[in-house]
Amino acid sequence: MTEVKSGDKVAIHYTGTLQDGTKFDSSEGRDPLEFEVGSGQIIPGLDGALPGMSVGEKKVVKVPSTEAYGEVNPEMRQAVPREGIPADIPLDIGTQLQMQTPDGQALPVTVVEVDESTVTLDANHPLAGKDLQFDIEVVSIG
């Protein structure tokens, strides 16, 4: 039976949950996720769990935050003057906005704090600092 190895193209079905059981992503009802094992296309903790698995095999993979989206980086939070944000942009806590880096790259940010003079934006990945769990099934290798 063929086993997954680094460099293989695979397709998996998955459900990702937080430690408290909250589901944050799933391929349920969609095509399986396809990628090359070991290429860095998915988080390291999940990528590293696939070698040795075969088609039809299921596994539960616990991924610490350091092998997922990393730890929360305090330098990725920034307070900006409220008047620097257009009045038509909603500033509710949790609102996802998109900023542009000096080199023109889109940078997703989340509103995490608002007061009369400033808005604090967080550019950390929403799953940074969180340990994750994935229920995976290998659908195809090749």
N, C-alpha and C. Protein backbone atom coordinates (compact mmCIF):
# COMPACT_ATOMS: atom_id res chain seq x y z
N MET A 1 0.85 -1.19 0.00
CA MET A 1 0.00 0.00 0.00
C MET A 1 0.89 1.25 0.00
N THR A 2 0.54 2.20 -0.81
CA THR A 2 1.32 3.42 -0.94
C THR A 2 1.16 4.29 0.30
N GLU A 3 2.29 4.78 0.80
CA GLU A 3 2.27 5.69 1.95
C GLU A 3 2.71 7.08 1.52
N VAL A 4 2.15 8.08 2.16
CA VAL A 4 2.51 9.48 1.88
C VAL A 4 3.97 9.71 2.24
N LYS A 5 4.67 10.42 1.35
CA LYS A 5 6.04 10.85 1.67
C LYS A 5 6.21 12.30 1.20
N SER A 6 7.23 12.94 1.69
CA SER A 6 7.50 14.33 1.33
C SER A 6 7.64 14.43 -0.18
N GLY A 7 7.01 15.46 -0.76
CA GLY A 7 7.05 15.66 -2.20
C GLY A 7 5.82 15.13 -2.92
N ASP A 8 5.04 14.25 -2.25
CA ASP A 8 3.82 13.72 -2.86
C ASP A 8 2.75 14.79 -2.91
N LYS A 9 1.92 14.73 -3.95
CA LYS A 9 0.71 15.55 -3.99
C LYS A 9 -0.37 14.71 -3.34
N VAL A 10 -1.05 15.29 -2.36
CA VAL A 10 -2.10 14.57 -1.65
C VAL A 10 -3.38 15.39 -1.62
N ALA A 11 -4.47 14.71 -1.34
CA ALA A 11 -5.75 15.36 -1.09
C ALA A 11 -6.25 14.82 0.24
N ILE A 12 -6.67 15.72 1.11
CA ILE A 12 -7.19 15.30 2.42
C ILE A 12 -8.52 15.99 2.70
N HIS A 13 -9.35 15.30 3.46
CA HIS A 13 -10.50 15.95 4.08
C HIS A 13 -10.08 16.24 5.51
N TYR A 14 -10.55 17.36 6.05
CA TYR A 14 -10.12 17.76 7.39
C TYR A 14 -11.22 18.56 8.09
N THR A 15 -11.15 18.53 9.40
CA THR A 15 -11.92 19.43 10.25
C THR A 15 -10.97 19.95 11.30
N GLY A 16 -10.86 21.28 11.39
CA GLY A 16 -9.97 21.91 12.36
C GLY A 16 -10.78 22.47 13.51
N THR A 17 -10.34 22.15 14.74
CA THR A 17 -11.03 22.66 15.93
C THR A 17 -10.02 23.26 16.90
N LEU A 18 -10.54 24.15 17.75
CA LEU A 18 -9.75 24.70 18.84
C LEU A 18 -9.80 23.72 20.00
N GLN A 19 -9.01 23.99 21.05
CA GLN A 19 -8.96 23.10 22.21
C GLN A 19 -10.33 22.94 22.86
N ASP A 20 -11.19 23.95 22.78
CA ASP A 20 -12.52 23.87 23.40
C ASP A 20 -13.55 23.20 22.50
N GLY A 21 -13.12 22.70 21.32
CA GLY A 21 -14.02 22.01 20.42
C GLY A 21 -14.65 22.89 19.36
N THR A 22 -14.42 24.21 19.41
CA THR A 22 -14.97 25.11 18.41
C THR A 22 -14.36 24.82 17.04
N LYS A 23 -15.22 24.58 16.04
CA LYS A 23 -14.73 24.30 14.68
C LYS A 23 -14.37 25.63 14.01
N PHE A 24 -13.16 25.73 13.44
CA PHE A 24 -12.75 26.95 12.75
C PHE A 24 -12.63 26.76 11.24
N ASP A 25 -12.55 25.52 10.78
CA ASP A 25 -12.46 25.28 9.34
C ASP A 25 -12.73 23.80 9.07
N SER A 26 -13.23 23.52 7.87
CA SER A 26 -13.49 22.14 7.49
C SER A 26 -13.63 22.05 5.98
N SER A 27 -13.28 20.89 5.44
CA SER A 27 -13.49 20.65 4.01
C SER A 27 -14.85 19.99 3.78
N GLU A 28 -15.61 19.78 4.84
CA GLU A 28 -16.92 19.14 4.74
C GLU A 28 -17.80 19.87 3.72
N GLY A 29 -18.35 19.10 2.78
CA GLY A 29 -19.20 19.70 1.76
C GLY A 29 -18.44 20.39 0.64
N ARG A 30 -17.11 20.30 0.68
CA ARG A 30 -16.27 20.92 -0.36
C ARG A 30 -15.33 19.86 -0.92
N ASP A 31 -14.59 20.24 -1.95
CA ASP A 31 -13.55 19.35 -2.47
C ASP A 31 -12.48 19.19 -1.40
N PRO A 32 -11.77 18.06 -1.39
CA PRO A 32 -10.68 17.91 -0.44
C PRO A 32 -9.58 18.94 -0.70
N LEU A 33 -8.79 19.21 0.32
CA LEU A 33 -7.65 20.13 0.22
C LEU A 33 -6.51 19.38 -0.47
N GLU A 34 -5.99 19.97 -1.55
CA GLU A 34 -4.89 19.35 -2.29
C GLU A 34 -3.62 20.20 -2.14
N PHE A 35 -2.49 19.54 -1.92
CA PHE A 35 -1.21 20.25 -1.74
C PHE A 35 -0.07 19.26 -1.85
N GLU A 36 1.14 19.81 -1.91
CA GLU A 36 2.35 18.97 -1.94
C GLU A 36 2.92 18.87 -0.53
N VAL A 37 3.07 17.65 -0.05
CA VAL A 37 3.58 17.40 1.30
C VAL A 37 5.03 17.91 1.40
N GLY A 38 5.31 18.64 2.46
CA GLY A 38 6.66 19.13 2.71
C GLY A 38 7.02 20.41 1.98
N SER A 39 6.06 21.00 1.27
CA SER A 39 6.36 22.19 0.47
C SER A 39 6.08 23.50 1.21
N GLY A 40 5.52 23.42 2.42
CA GLY A 40 5.22 24.64 3.16
C GLY A 40 3.89 25.27 2.79
N GLN A 41 3.04 24.54 2.05
CA GLN A 41 1.75 25.10 1.64
C GLN A 41 0.72 25.07 2.77
N ILE A 42 0.93 24.21 3.76
CA ILE A 42 0.03 24.17 4.92
C ILE A 42 0.87 24.31 6.19
N ILE A 43 0.21 24.45 7.34
CA ILE A 43 0.96 24.66 8.58
C ILE A 43 1.88 23.47 8.87
N PRO A 44 3.06 23.72 9.45
CA PRO A 44 4.06 22.66 9.65
C PRO A 44 3.56 21.47 10.47
N GLY A 45 2.79 21.72 11.53
CA GLY A 45 2.34 20.63 12.38
C GLY A 45 1.43 19.64 11.68
N LEU A 46 0.67 20.11 10.72
CA LEU A 46 -0.21 19.23 9.94
C LEU A 46 0.59 18.55 8.83
N ASP A 47 1.44 19.31 8.17
CA ASP A 47 2.29 18.80 7.10
C ASP A 47 3.13 17.62 7.60
N GLY A 48 3.70 17.76 8.78
CA GLY A 48 4.59 16.74 9.34
C GLY A 48 3.87 15.48 9.79
N ALA A 49 2.55 15.54 9.93
CA ALA A 49 1.78 14.38 10.40
C ALA A 49 1.40 13.44 9.26
N LEU A 50 1.55 13.87 8.02
CA LEU A 50 1.06 13.09 6.88
C LEU A 50 1.98 11.96 6.40
N PRO A 51 3.31 12.13 6.38
CA PRO A 51 4.15 11.03 5.91
C PRO A 51 3.87 9.73 6.67
N GLY A 52 3.76 8.64 5.91
CA GLY A 52 3.48 7.33 6.50
C GLY A 52 2.00 6.96 6.47
N MET A 53 1.12 7.93 6.21
CA MET A 53 -0.31 7.63 6.12
C MET A 53 -0.62 7.07 4.73
N SER A 54 -1.73 6.34 4.61
CA SER A 54 -2.15 5.80 3.32
C SER A 54 -3.58 6.22 3.01
N VAL A 55 -4.01 6.01 1.77
CA VAL A 55 -5.35 6.41 1.33
C VAL A 55 -6.40 5.73 2.21
N GLY A 56 -7.37 6.53 2.67
CA GLY A 56 -8.44 6.02 3.52
C GLY A 56 -8.12 6.08 5.00
N GLU A 57 -6.86 6.30 5.34
CA GLU A 57 -6.47 6.36 6.74
C GLU A 57 -6.92 7.67 7.36
N LYS A 58 -7.39 7.58 8.61
CA LYS A 58 -7.83 8.76 9.37
C LYS A 58 -6.92 8.91 10.58
N LYS A 59 -6.78 10.18 11.01
CA LYS A 59 -5.91 10.46 12.15
C LYS A 59 -6.38 11.75 12.80
N VAL A 60 -6.18 11.84 14.12
CA VAL A 60 -6.40 13.08 14.84
C VAL A 60 -5.01 13.65 15.14
N VAL A 61 -4.80 14.90 14.71
CA VAL A 61 -3.49 15.53 14.87
C VAL A 61 -3.63 16.74 15.77
N LYS A 62 -2.90 16.75 16.88
CA LYS A 62 -2.87 17.92 17.76
C LYS A 62 -1.66 18.76 17.37
N VAL A 63 -1.92 20.04 17.08
CA VAL A 63 -0.87 20.93 16.59
C VAL A 63 -0.69 22.09 17.56
N PRO A 64 0.48 22.16 18.24
CA PRO A 64 0.71 23.31 19.13
C PRO A 64 0.83 24.60 18.32
N SER A 65 0.53 25.72 18.93
CA SER A 65 0.53 27.01 18.22
C SER A 65 1.87 27.27 17.52
N THR A 66 2.97 26.80 18.11
CA THR A 66 4.29 27.03 17.50
C THR A 66 4.45 26.29 16.17
N GLU A 67 3.64 25.23 15.95
CA GLU A 67 3.67 24.48 14.69
C GLU A 67 2.47 24.83 13.81
N ALA A 68 1.70 25.86 14.23
CA ALA A 68 0.51 26.27 13.47
C ALA A 68 0.73 27.70 12.96
N TYR A 69 0.12 28.68 13.63
CA TYR A 69 0.23 30.08 13.17
C TYR A 69 1.13 30.91 14.07
N GLY A 70 1.91 30.24 14.93
CA GLY A 70 2.87 30.93 15.78
C GLY A 70 2.23 31.56 17.01
N GLU A 71 3.07 32.15 17.81
CA GLU A 71 2.61 32.84 19.01
C GLU A 71 2.12 34.23 18.63
N VAL A 72 1.34 34.83 19.51
CA VAL A 72 0.89 36.20 19.29
C VAL A 72 2.11 37.12 19.42
N ASN A 73 2.30 37.99 18.44
CA ASN A 73 3.41 38.93 18.44
C ASN A 73 2.87 40.31 18.82
N PRO A 74 3.24 40.81 20.01
CA PRO A 74 2.72 42.11 20.45
C PRO A 74 3.06 43.25 19.48
N GLU A 75 4.15 43.11 18.73
CA GLU A 75 4.53 44.16 17.78
C GLU A 75 3.59 44.23 16.58
N MET A 76 2.73 43.22 16.43
CA MET A 76 1.77 43.20 15.32
C MET A 76 0.48 43.94 15.69
N ARG A 77 0.44 44.50 16.90
CA ARG A 77 -0.70 45.34 17.33
C ARG A 77 -0.25 46.78 17.27
N GLN A 78 -1.09 47.62 16.71
CA GLN A 78 -0.71 49.02 16.57
C GLN A 78 -1.91 49.92 16.79
N ALA A 79 -1.71 50.96 17.61
CA ALA A 79 -2.74 51.98 17.81
C ALA A 79 -2.56 53.05 16.75
N VAL A 80 -3.63 53.38 16.07
CA VAL A 80 -3.58 54.43 15.05
C VAL A 80 -4.57 55.52 15.43
N PRO A 81 -4.26 56.77 15.05
CA PRO A 81 -5.19 57.86 15.37
C PRO A 81 -6.54 57.61 14.70
N ARG A 82 -7.59 57.80 15.49
CA ARG A 82 -8.93 57.55 14.98
C ARG A 82 -9.25 58.41 13.76
N GLU A 83 -8.76 59.65 13.73
CA GLU A 83 -9.06 60.52 12.59
C GLU A 83 -8.39 60.05 11.30
N GLY A 84 -7.43 59.12 11.41
CA GLY A 84 -6.76 58.59 10.22
C GLY A 84 -7.56 57.51 9.52
N ILE A 85 -8.69 57.12 10.11
CA ILE A 85 -9.53 56.09 9.51
C ILE A 85 -10.80 56.75 8.99
N PRO A 86 -11.14 56.52 7.72
CA PRO A 86 -12.34 57.14 7.15
C PRO A 86 -13.58 56.85 8.00
N ALA A 87 -14.47 57.84 8.09
CA ALA A 87 -15.65 57.76 8.95
C ALA A 87 -16.61 56.65 8.54
N ASP A 88 -16.58 56.22 7.27
CA ASP A 88 -17.54 55.21 6.82
C ASP A 88 -17.08 53.78 7.12
N ILE A 89 -15.91 53.61 7.72
CA ILE A 89 -15.41 52.27 8.05
C ILE A 89 -15.87 51.90 9.46
N PRO A 90 -16.57 50.75 9.60
CA PRO A 90 -17.03 50.34 10.93
C PRO A 90 -15.85 49.99 11.83
N LEU A 91 -15.93 50.41 13.09
CA LEU A 91 -14.83 50.17 14.03
C LEU A 91 -15.28 49.35 15.23
N ASP A 92 -16.20 48.41 15.01
CA ASP A 92 -16.62 47.53 16.09
C ASP A 92 -15.50 46.55 16.40
N ILE A 93 -15.36 46.19 17.68
CA ILE A 93 -14.35 45.21 18.09
C ILE A 93 -14.60 43.91 17.30
N GLY A 94 -13.54 43.36 16.74
CA GLY A 94 -13.65 42.12 15.96
C GLY A 94 -13.82 42.35 14.47
N THR A 95 -14.05 43.59 14.06
CA THR A 95 -14.21 43.88 12.62
C THR A 95 -12.89 43.61 11.91
N GLN A 96 -12.97 42.91 10.79
CA GLN A 96 -11.79 42.62 9.97
C GLN A 96 -11.65 43.73 8.93
N LEU A 97 -10.48 44.31 8.87
CA LEU A 97 -10.19 45.35 7.88
C LEU A 97 -8.98 44.93 7.07
N GLN A 98 -8.72 45.64 6.01
CA GLN A 98 -7.53 45.37 5.21
C GLN A 98 -6.73 46.66 5.09
N MET A 99 -5.47 46.58 5.45
CA MET A 99 -4.57 47.71 5.31
C MET A 99 -3.59 47.38 4.19
N GLN A 100 -2.80 48.36 3.84
CA GLN A 100 -1.77 48.14 2.82
C GLN A 100 -0.41 48.44 3.42
N THR A 101 0.54 47.53 3.21
CA THR A 101 1.90 47.75 3.71
C THR A 101 2.57 48.77 2.79
N PRO A 102 3.70 49.36 3.23
CA PRO A 102 4.39 50.35 2.39
C PRO A 102 4.74 49.82 1.00
N ASP A 103 4.96 48.49 0.88
CA ASP A 103 5.29 47.94 -0.45
C ASP A 103 4.05 47.48 -1.23
N GLY A 104 2.85 47.83 -0.73
CA GLY A 104 1.63 47.57 -1.48
C GLY A 104 0.94 46.25 -1.20
N GLN A 105 1.49 45.47 -0.27
CA GLN A 105 0.87 44.19 0.08
C GLN A 105 -0.38 44.40 0.93
N ALA A 106 -1.42 43.60 0.69
CA ALA A 106 -2.62 43.65 1.52
C ALA A 106 -2.32 42.98 2.86
N LEU A 107 -2.75 43.61 3.95
CA LEU A 107 -2.50 43.09 5.28
C LEU A 107 -3.81 43.07 6.05
N PRO A 108 -4.36 41.85 6.32
CA PRO A 108 -5.60 41.80 7.08
C PRO A 108 -5.33 42.15 8.55
N VAL A 109 -6.20 42.96 9.12
CA VAL A 109 -6.09 43.36 10.52
C VAL A 109 -7.47 43.25 11.18
N THR A 110 -7.46 43.15 12.50
CA THR A 110 -8.70 43.08 13.26
C THR A 110 -8.74 44.22 14.25
N VAL A 111 -9.88 44.89 14.37
CA VAL A 111 -10.06 45.94 15.37
C VAL A 111 -10.16 45.26 16.73
N VAL A 112 -9.23 45.59 17.65
CA VAL A 112 -9.23 44.95 18.97
C VAL A 112 -9.51 45.91 20.12
N GLU A 113 -9.40 47.21 19.86
CA GLU A 113 -9.64 48.20 20.91
C GLU A 113 -9.97 49.54 20.27
N VAL A 114 -10.92 50.24 20.85
CA VAL A 114 -11.30 51.55 20.33
C VAL A 114 -11.53 52.48 21.51
N ASP A 115 -10.92 53.68 21.45
CA ASP A 115 -11.27 54.71 22.44
C ASP A 115 -11.49 56.02 21.67
N GLU A 116 -11.62 57.12 22.38
CA GLU A 116 -11.98 58.37 21.71
C GLU A 116 -10.92 58.86 20.72
N SER A 117 -9.65 58.54 20.96
CA SER A 117 -8.61 59.08 20.10
C SER A 117 -7.89 58.05 19.23
N THR A 118 -7.94 56.77 19.61
CA THR A 118 -7.19 55.77 18.85
C THR A 118 -8.02 54.52 18.57
N VAL A 119 -7.56 53.80 17.54
CA VAL A 119 -8.10 52.48 17.21
C VAL A 119 -6.90 51.54 17.21
N THR A 120 -6.98 50.44 17.97
CA THR A 120 -5.89 49.48 17.99
C THR A 120 -6.22 48.35 17.03
N LEU A 121 -5.29 48.11 16.09
CA LEU A 121 -5.45 47.09 15.07
C LEU A 121 -4.44 45.97 15.32
N ASP A 122 -4.88 44.74 15.11
CA ASP A 122 -4.03 43.58 15.33
C ASP A 122 -3.84 42.84 14.01
N ALA A 123 -2.57 42.71 13.58
CA ALA A 123 -2.26 42.02 12.32
C ALA A 123 -1.84 40.56 12.54
N ASN A 124 -1.90 40.09 13.80
CA ASN A 124 -1.61 38.68 14.04
C ASN A 124 -2.68 37.83 13.35
N HIS A 125 -2.31 36.62 12.92
CA HIS A 125 -3.30 35.70 12.36
C HIS A 125 -4.35 35.43 13.44
N PRO A 126 -5.62 35.34 13.09
CA PRO A 126 -6.66 35.11 14.11
C PRO A 126 -6.42 33.84 14.95
N LEU A 127 -5.68 32.87 14.42
CA LEU A 127 -5.41 31.65 15.17
C LEU A 127 -4.02 31.64 15.83
N ALA A 128 -3.31 32.77 15.79
CA ALA A 128 -2.00 32.86 16.45
C ALA A 128 -2.18 32.62 17.95
N GLY A 129 -1.24 31.88 18.52
CA GLY A 129 -1.28 31.62 19.96
C GLY A 129 -2.24 30.52 20.37
N LYS A 130 -2.90 29.89 19.40
CA LYS A 130 -3.87 28.85 19.73
C LYS A 130 -3.35 27.47 19.32
N ASP A 131 -3.55 26.49 20.21
CA ASP A 131 -3.27 25.10 19.88
C ASP A 131 -4.47 24.57 19.10
N LEU A 132 -4.20 23.82 18.04
CA LEU A 132 -5.25 23.36 17.15
C LEU A 132 -5.32 21.83 17.11
N GLN A 133 -6.47 21.33 16.67
CA GLN A 133 -6.62 19.90 16.44
C GLN A 133 -7.26 19.69 15.08
N PHE A 134 -6.76 18.73 14.33
CA PHE A 134 -7.30 18.41 13.02
C PHE A 134 -7.68 16.94 12.97
N ASP A 135 -8.90 16.67 12.52
CA ASP A 135 -9.30 15.31 12.17
C ASP A 135 -9.10 15.22 10.66
N ILE A 136 -8.20 14.34 10.23
CA ILE A 136 -7.87 14.29 8.80
C ILE A 136 -8.11 12.88 8.24
N GLU A 137 -8.35 12.84 6.94
CA GLU A 137 -8.46 11.59 6.20
C GLU A 137 -7.76 11.78 4.87
N VAL A 138 -6.84 10.87 4.54
CA VAL A 138 -6.16 10.93 3.25
C VAL A 138 -7.11 10.39 2.18
N VAL A 139 -7.42 11.22 1.18
CA VAL A 139 -8.33 10.85 0.10
C VAL A 139 -7.58 10.30 -1.09
N SER A 140 -6.44 10.92 -1.43
CA SER A 140 -5.64 10.42 -2.55
C SER A 140 -4.18 10.81 -2.39
N ILE A 141 -3.32 10.01 -3.02
CA ILE A 141 -1.89 10.29 -3.08
C ILE A 141 -1.53 10.23 -4.55
N GLY A 142 -0.81 11.24 -5.01
CA GLY A 142 -0.40 11.16 -6.40
C GLY A 142 -0.51 12.46 -7.05
